[in-house]
Protein backbone atom coordinates (compact mmCIF):
# COMPACT_ATOMS: atom_id res chain seq x y z
CA MET A 1 18.71 4.64 -11.26
CA SER A 2 16.29 4.62 -14.01
CA VAL A 3 12.15 5.58 -14.06
CA THR A 4 11.56 1.36 -14.04
CA GLN A 5 13.60 0.57 -10.86
CA SER A 6 12.36 3.83 -9.49
CA VAL A 7 8.77 2.14 -10.23
CA THR A 8 9.39 -0.97 -9.29
CA ARG A 9 10.62 0.18 -5.91
CA LEU A 10 8.47 2.50 -5.41
CA LEU A 11 5.28 -0.45 -5.42
CA PHE A 12 6.86 -3.92 -4.64
CA GLY A 13 9.72 -2.65 -2.02
CA PHE A 14 9.21 -2.37 1.65
CA SER A 15 12.42 0.05 2.70
CA GLY A 16 12.05 4.16 2.53
CA ARG A 17 9.31 6.19 3.37
CA LEU A 18 6.02 7.37 1.12
CA THR A 19 4.27 10.52 1.69
CA ARG A 20 0.39 10.69 1.86
CA LEU A 21 -0.49 11.60 -1.45
CA PRO A 22 1.61 8.51 -3.57
CA TRP A 23 -0.26 6.19 -0.76
CA TRP A 24 -3.93 7.69 -1.63
CA ILE A 25 -2.87 7.17 -5.20
CA ALA A 26 -1.72 3.13 -5.12
CA THR A 27 -4.36 2.84 -2.71
CA ILE A 28 -7.43 4.11 -4.89
CA LEU A 29 -5.59 2.57 -7.78
CA THR A 30 -5.29 -1.14 -6.17
CA THR A 31 -8.74 -0.98 -4.36
CA LEU A 32 -9.91 0.16 -8.21
CA GLY A 33 -7.79 -2.58 -10.05
CA ILE A 34 -9.17 -5.68 -7.76
CA GLY A 35 -12.68 -3.82 -8.38
CA VAL A 36 -12.21 -4.10 -12.28
CA VAL A 37 -10.32 -7.26 -12.52
CA ASP A 38 -13.11 -8.86 -10.45
CA ALA A 39 -16.42 -7.28 -12.83
CA ILE A 40 -14.22 -8.50 -15.36
CA PHE A 41 -13.64 -11.91 -14.46
CA GLY A 42 -15.02 -12.54 -11.40
CA LEU A 43 -18.46 -13.05 -12.50
CA PRO A 44 -20.28 -15.57 -11.48
CA ARG A 45 -16.76 -17.27 -9.53
CA PRO A 46 -13.50 -15.97 -9.44
CA SER A 47 -11.40 -17.45 -12.12
CA VAL A 48 -8.20 -19.13 -11.93
CA LEU A 49 -5.96 -16.21 -13.90
CA PHE A 50 -8.25 -13.22 -11.24
CA LEU A 51 -6.73 -15.29 -8.19
CA VAL A 52 -3.59 -16.09 -9.25
CA LEU A 53 -2.26 -14.05 -11.54
CA LEU A 54 -3.57 -10.58 -11.14
CA VAL A 55 -4.79 -10.30 -7.27
CA PRO A 56 -1.67 -11.28 -5.55
CA PRO A 57 0.18 -8.23 -7.70
CA LEU A 58 -2.03 -5.67 -6.22
CA ILE A 59 -2.20 -6.91 -2.56
CA TRP A 60 1.51 -7.18 -2.94
CA ILE A 61 1.44 -3.09 -3.84
CA SER A 62 -1.03 -2.30 -1.48
CA ILE A 63 0.87 -3.99 1.29
CA ALA A 64 4.42 -2.50 -0.19
CA THR A 65 2.86 1.32 -0.01
CA GLN A 66 1.18 1.27 3.65
CA ILE A 67 4.44 -0.53 5.50
CA LYS A 68 6.56 2.62 3.91
CA ARG A 69 3.69 4.75 5.10
CA TRP A 70 4.32 3.62 8.48
CA HIS A 71 7.85 4.34 7.84
CA ASP A 72 7.19 7.63 7.12
CA ARG A 73 5.33 7.90 10.50
CA ASP A 74 8.52 6.60 11.80
CA LYS A 75 6.56 2.99 12.98
CA SER A 76 7.53 -0.40 12.19
CA GLY A 77 6.07 -1.76 9.26
CA TRP A 78 4.61 -4.40 11.63
CA TRP A 79 1.94 -1.90 12.45
CA PHE A 80 0.45 -3.11 9.11
CA LEU A 81 -0.83 -5.39 11.36
CA VAL A 82 -3.60 -3.25 12.20
CA ASN A 83 -5.84 -3.54 9.56
CA PHE A 84 -6.85 -6.84 10.89
CA LEU A 85 -8.00 -5.13 14.15
CA PRO A 86 -12.34 -5.82 13.89
CA ILE A 87 -14.12 -2.21 12.88
CA ILE A 88 -11.36 0.14 14.41
CA GLY A 89 -8.67 -1.27 11.76
CA TRP A 90 -9.62 0.34 8.86
CA LEU A 91 -10.07 3.72 10.26
CA TRP A 92 -7.05 3.53 12.29
CA VAL A 93 -5.20 2.90 9.28
CA LEU A 94 -7.08 5.33 7.38
CA ILE A 95 -6.04 8.20 10.12
CA GLU A 96 -2.33 7.26 10.55
CA CYS A 97 -1.53 6.63 6.93
CA GLY A 98 -3.85 8.65 5.37
CA LEU A 99 -4.41 11.72 7.30
CA LEU A 100 -1.83 12.40 9.08
CA LYS A 101 1.67 13.90 8.42
CA GLY A 102 4.99 11.92 8.36
CA THR A 103 8.21 12.87 10.25
CA ALA A 104 9.68 15.91 9.12
CA GLY A 105 13.67 15.61 8.81
CA PRO A 106 14.79 11.98 8.33
CA ASN A 107 14.11 8.95 10.53
CA ARG A 108 15.24 5.85 11.16
CA PHE A 109 13.64 4.51 7.61
CA GLY A 110 15.60 7.01 5.39
CA ASP A 111 15.23 10.94 4.63
CA ASP A 112 12.61 12.67 4.05
CA ALA A 113 10.47 11.51 1.12
């Protein structure tokens, strides 16, 4: 598998597992990316370029990496919906995906990442 395919699969695919460090890197970079793009193109109001071309891929990357992180915890990708719980959702995701280790050895989502 080439490097391009690996990066594409890492950032845009929903299968497999992801350890904490790549999840943190992707989360920080997508958050910064949306912030920087908003600062450049979003003032005084969001432009079409910002809303249509740049934000959706960044959100997709965020969702894909988080689903793979849930897989590493041996949980379904549907746990992503925890993000929509008011007040505690972001904290739950932070603890589960950012702080807790994944399952040791292979699980139903693949080999140990």
